[in-house]
Amino acid sequence: MQISNRRTRRTQNTKQAITYYLQSCIMRLGMRGLVLGSRDGLVVAAAGDGVDPEAAAAYAPYVFHEKWEYPDEVDASYFVDAIPLSDDTFYLFAVGNTSEAAISQRTKGGIRRIIDEQIAA
């Protein structure tokens, strides 16, 4: 009996792996766009549309911690969530009509898994 691996796009490149994962989240959850940014406001990975990735990554820490309104136009509703890691924090800027509860744990867990796998390799 052969066991099929559901993951068909694989890479050792962390940024590309996260981009693939964000693309799958967009399709699975019906999101418009997802941007993963660093604590310093830099784009780690992005997929979809609805917001400028550079600006979303730059403002995400302020939207999350300081409760700033995002200053640019966004094509749909949005929210920002934090992904704390052992030595850093990433911010996920999500655009679309999916609730924060629907995306938070599963999506954040997948991103953590990819980062952990890359660190362990």
C-alpha atoms as a PDB file:
ATOM      1  CA  MET A   1       0.000   0.000   0.000  1.00  0.00           C
ATOM      2  CA  GLN A   2       1.455   3.339  -1.059  1.00  0.00           C
ATOM      3  CA  ILE A   3       0.820   6.372   1.135  1.00  0.00           C
ATOM      4  CA  SER A   4       0.344   9.592  -0.774  1.00  0.00           C
ATOM      5  CA  ASN A   5       1.937  12.776   0.500  1.00  0.00           C
ATOM      6  CA  ARG A   6      -0.561  15.645   0.285  1.00  0.00           C
ATOM      7  CA  ARG A   7       2.185  18.247  -0.036  1.00  0.00           C
ATOM      8  CA  THR A   8       3.173  18.558  -3.657  1.00  0.00           C
ATOM      9  CA  ARG A   9       5.178  21.792  -3.571  1.00  0.00           C
ATOM     10  CA  ARG A  10       8.173  21.509  -1.276  1.00  0.00           C
ATOM     11  CA  THR A  11      11.253  23.635  -0.837  1.00  0.00           C
ATOM     12  CA  GLN A  12      14.087  24.099   1.622  1.00  0.00           C
ATOM     13  CA  ASN A  13      13.758  27.881   1.147  1.00  0.00           C
ATOM     14  CA  THR A  14      11.855  29.135   4.214  1.00  0.00           C
ATOM     15  CA  LYS A  15      10.422  32.221   2.509  1.00  0.00           C
ATOM     16  CA  GLN A  16       9.152  30.175  -0.426  1.00  0.00           C
ATOM     17  CA  ALA A  17       7.731  27.493   1.889  1.00  0.00           C
ATOM     18  CA  ILE A  18       5.807  30.122   3.860  1.00  0.00           C
ATOM     19  CA  THR A  19       4.606  31.720   0.607  1.00  0.00           C
ATOM     20  CA  TYR A  20       3.282  28.338  -0.576  1.00  0.00           C
ATOM     21  CA  TYR A  21       1.571  27.870   2.770  1.00  0.00           C
ATOM     22  CA  LEU A  22      -0.013  31.340   2.699  1.00  0.00           C
ATOM     23  CA  GLN A  23      -1.279  30.639  -0.839  1.00  0.00           C
ATOM     24  CA  SER A  24      -2.915  27.431   0.379  1.00  0.00           C
ATOM     25  CA  CYS A  25      -4.504  29.304   3.313  1.00  0.00           C
ATOM     26  CA  ILE A  26      -5.978  31.863   0.928  1.00  0.00           C
ATOM     27  CA  MET A  27      -7.548  29.135  -1.179  1.00  0.00           C
ATOM     28  CA  ARG A  28      -8.734  27.057   1.787  1.00  0.00           C
ATOM     29  CA  LEU A  29     -10.176  29.956   3.802  1.00  0.00           C
ATOM     30  CA  GLY A  30     -11.369  32.196   0.989  1.00  0.00           C
ATOM     31  CA  MET A  31      -9.064  35.030   2.039  1.00  0.00           C
ATOM     32  CA  ARG A  32      -8.108  37.930  -0.188  1.00  0.00           C
ATOM     33  CA  GLY A  33      -4.488  38.237   0.938  1.00  0.00           C
ATOM     34  CA  LEU A  34      -2.015  37.374   3.681  1.00  0.00           C
ATOM     35  CA  VAL A  35       1.223  39.162   4.519  1.00  0.00           C
ATOM     36  CA  LEU A  36       3.702  37.858   7.068  1.00  0.00           C
ATOM     37  CA  GLY A  37       5.992  40.574   8.393  1.00  0.00           C
ATOM     38  CA  SER A  38       8.826  40.755  10.865  1.00  0.00           C
ATOM     39  CA  ARG A  39       8.958  42.761  14.075  1.00  0.00           C
ATOM     40  CA  ASP A  40      11.064  45.277  12.122  1.00  0.00           C
ATOM     41  CA  GLY A  41       8.311  45.746   9.540  1.00  0.00           C
ATOM     42  CA  LEU A  42       9.905  43.764   6.717  1.00  0.00           C
ATOM     43  CA  VAL A  43       8.028  41.362   4.447  1.00  0.00           C
ATOM     44  CA  VAL A  44       8.812  37.740   5.258  1.00  0.00           C
ATOM     45  CA  ALA A  45       6.292  36.293   2.780  1.00  0.00           C
ATOM     46  CA  ALA A  46       3.069  37.368   1.082  1.00  0.00           C
ATOM     47  CA  ALA A  47       0.304  35.851  -1.016  1.00  0.00           C
ATOM     48  CA  GLY A  48      -2.819  37.184  -2.654  1.00  0.00           C
ATOM     49  CA  ASP A  49      -3.791  40.811  -2.981  1.00  0.00           C
ATOM     50  CA  GLY A  50      -5.937  43.471  -1.377  1.00  0.00           C
ATOM     51  CA  VAL A  51      -3.073  45.314   0.324  1.00  0.00           C
ATOM     52  CA  ASP A  52       0.460  46.426  -0.505  1.00  0.00           C
ATOM     53  CA  PRO A  53       2.720  43.813   1.170  1.00  0.00           C
ATOM     54  CA  GLU A  54       5.519  46.281   1.999  1.00  0.00           C
ATOM     55  CA  ALA A  55       3.151  48.731   3.689  1.00  0.00           C
ATOM     56  CA  ALA A  56       1.181  45.972   5.452  1.00  0.00           C
ATOM     57  CA  ALA A  57       4.363  44.488   6.934  1.00  0.00           C
ATOM     58  CA  ALA A  58       5.589  47.929   8.010  1.00  0.00           C
ATOM     59  CA  TYR A  59       2.351  48.894   9.771  1.00  0.00           C
ATOM     60  CA  ALA A  60       1.359  45.476  11.175  1.00  0.00           C
ATOM     61  CA  PRO A  61       3.202  45.813  14.531  1.00  0.00           C
ATOM     62  CA  TYR A  62       1.555  49.205  15.094  1.00  0.00           C
ATOM     63  CA  VAL A  63      -1.890  48.007  14.070  1.00  0.00           C
ATOM     64  CA  PHE A  64      -1.537  45.059  16.450  1.00  0.00           C
ATOM     65  CA  HIS A  65       0.089  46.692  19.491  1.00  0.00           C
ATOM     66  CA  GLU A  66      -0.884  50.348  19.232  1.00  0.00           C
ATOM     67  CA  LYS A  67      -4.327  49.735  17.667  1.00  0.00           C
ATOM     68  CA  TRP A  68      -3.541  52.078  14.793  1.00  0.00           C
ATOM     69  CA  GLU A  69      -5.851  52.135  11.819  1.00  0.00           C
ATOM     70  CA  TYR A  70      -4.084  50.989   8.675  1.00  0.00           C
ATOM     71  CA  PRO A  71      -3.584  54.232   6.694  1.00  0.00           C
ATOM     72  CA  ASP A  72      -3.911  52.871   3.135  1.00  0.00           C
ATOM     73  CA  GLU A  73      -7.011  51.601   1.419  1.00  0.00           C
ATOM     74  CA  VAL A  74      -7.674  47.892   1.843  1.00  0.00           C
ATOM     75  CA  ASP A  75      -9.971  46.023  -0.581  1.00  0.00           C
ATOM     76  CA  ALA A  76     -11.800  44.129   2.178  1.00  0.00           C
ATOM     77  CA  SER A  77     -11.933  43.818   5.956  1.00  0.00           C
ATOM     78  CA  TYR A  78      -8.593  43.122   7.622  1.00  0.00           C
ATOM     79  CA  PHE A  79      -6.982  42.213  10.922  1.00  0.00           C
ATOM     80  CA  VAL A  80      -3.471  41.696  12.252  1.00  0.00           C
ATOM     81  CA  ASP A  81      -2.378  38.898  14.546  1.00  0.00           C
ATOM     82  CA  ALA A  82       0.982  38.266  16.241  1.00  0.00           C
ATOM     83  CA  ILE A  83       2.949  35.038  15.976  1.00  0.00           C
ATOM     84  CA  PRO A  84       5.386  34.967  18.890  1.00  0.00           C
ATOM     85  CA  LEU A  85       8.393  32.701  18.456  1.00  0.00           C
ATOM     86  CA  SER A  86      11.142  31.900  20.911  1.00  0.00           C
ATOM     87  CA  ASP A  87      13.439  34.713  19.742  1.00  0.00           C
ATOM     88  CA  ASP A  88      11.235  36.888  17.497  1.00  0.00           C
ATOM     89  CA  THR A  89       7.683  37.912  16.704  1.00  0.00           C
ATOM     90  CA  PHE A  90       6.058  37.865  13.287  1.00  0.00           C
ATOM     91  CA  TYR A  91       2.837  39.646  12.328  1.00  0.00           C
ATOM     92  CA  LEU A  92       0.188  38.236  10.030  1.00  0.00           C
ATOM     93  CA  PHE A  93      -1.814  40.870   8.158  1.00  0.00           C
ATOM     94  CA  ALA A  94      -4.943  39.167   6.821  1.00  0.00           C
ATOM     95  CA  VAL A  95      -7.300  40.650   4.219  1.00  0.00           C
ATOM     96  CA  GLY A  96     -10.687  39.086   3.621  1.00  0.00           C
ATOM     97  CA  ASN A  97     -13.966  38.239   5.234  1.00  0.00           C
ATOM     98  CA  THR A  98     -12.723  35.310   7.296  1.00  0.00           C
ATOM     99  CA  SER A  99     -12.845  35.927  11.014  1.00  0.00           C
ATOM    100  CA  GLU A 100      -9.722  36.140  13.118  1.00  0.00           C
ATOM    101  CA  ALA A 101     -10.805  33.041  15.036  1.00  0.00           C
ATOM    102  CA  ALA A 102     -11.059  31.003  11.830  1.00  0.00           C
ATOM    103  CA  ILE A 103      -7.538  31.806  10.707  1.00  0.00           C
ATOM    104  CA  SER A 104      -5.523  32.302  13.864  1.00  0.00           C
ATOM    105  CA  GLN A 105      -4.600  28.937  15.364  1.00  0.00           C
ATOM    106  CA  ARG A 106      -4.358  26.758  12.271  1.00  0.00           C
ATOM    107  CA  THR A 107      -2.570  29.306  10.110  1.00  0.00           C
ATOM    108  CA  LYS A 108      -0.233  30.465  12.866  1.00  0.00           C
ATOM    109  CA  GLY A 109       0.537  26.850  13.745  1.00  0.00           C
ATOM    110  CA  GLY A 110       1.432  26.066  10.142  1.00  0.00           C
ATOM    111  CA  ILE A 111       3.785  29.040   9.939  1.00  0.00           C
ATOM    112  CA  ARG A 112       5.452  28.024  13.213  1.00  0.00           C
ATOM    113  CA  ARG A 113       5.835  24.442  11.921  1.00  0.00           C
ATOM    114  CA  ILE A 114       7.586  25.623   8.743  1.00  0.00           C
ATOM    115  CA  ILE A 115       9.968  27.848  10.695  1.00  0.00           C
ATOM    116  CA  ASP A 116      10.682  25.106  13.239  1.00  0.00           C
ATOM    117  CA  GLU A 117      11.350  22.562  10.468  1.00  0.00           C
ATOM    118  CA  GLN A 118      13.782  24.934   8.759  1.00  0.00           C
ATOM    119  CA  ILE A 119      15.626  25.672  12.023  1.00  0.00           C
ATOM    120  CA  ALA A 120      15.893  21.952  12.847  1.00  0.00           C
ATOM    121  CA  ALA A 121      17.212  21.088   9.369  1.00  0.00           C
END
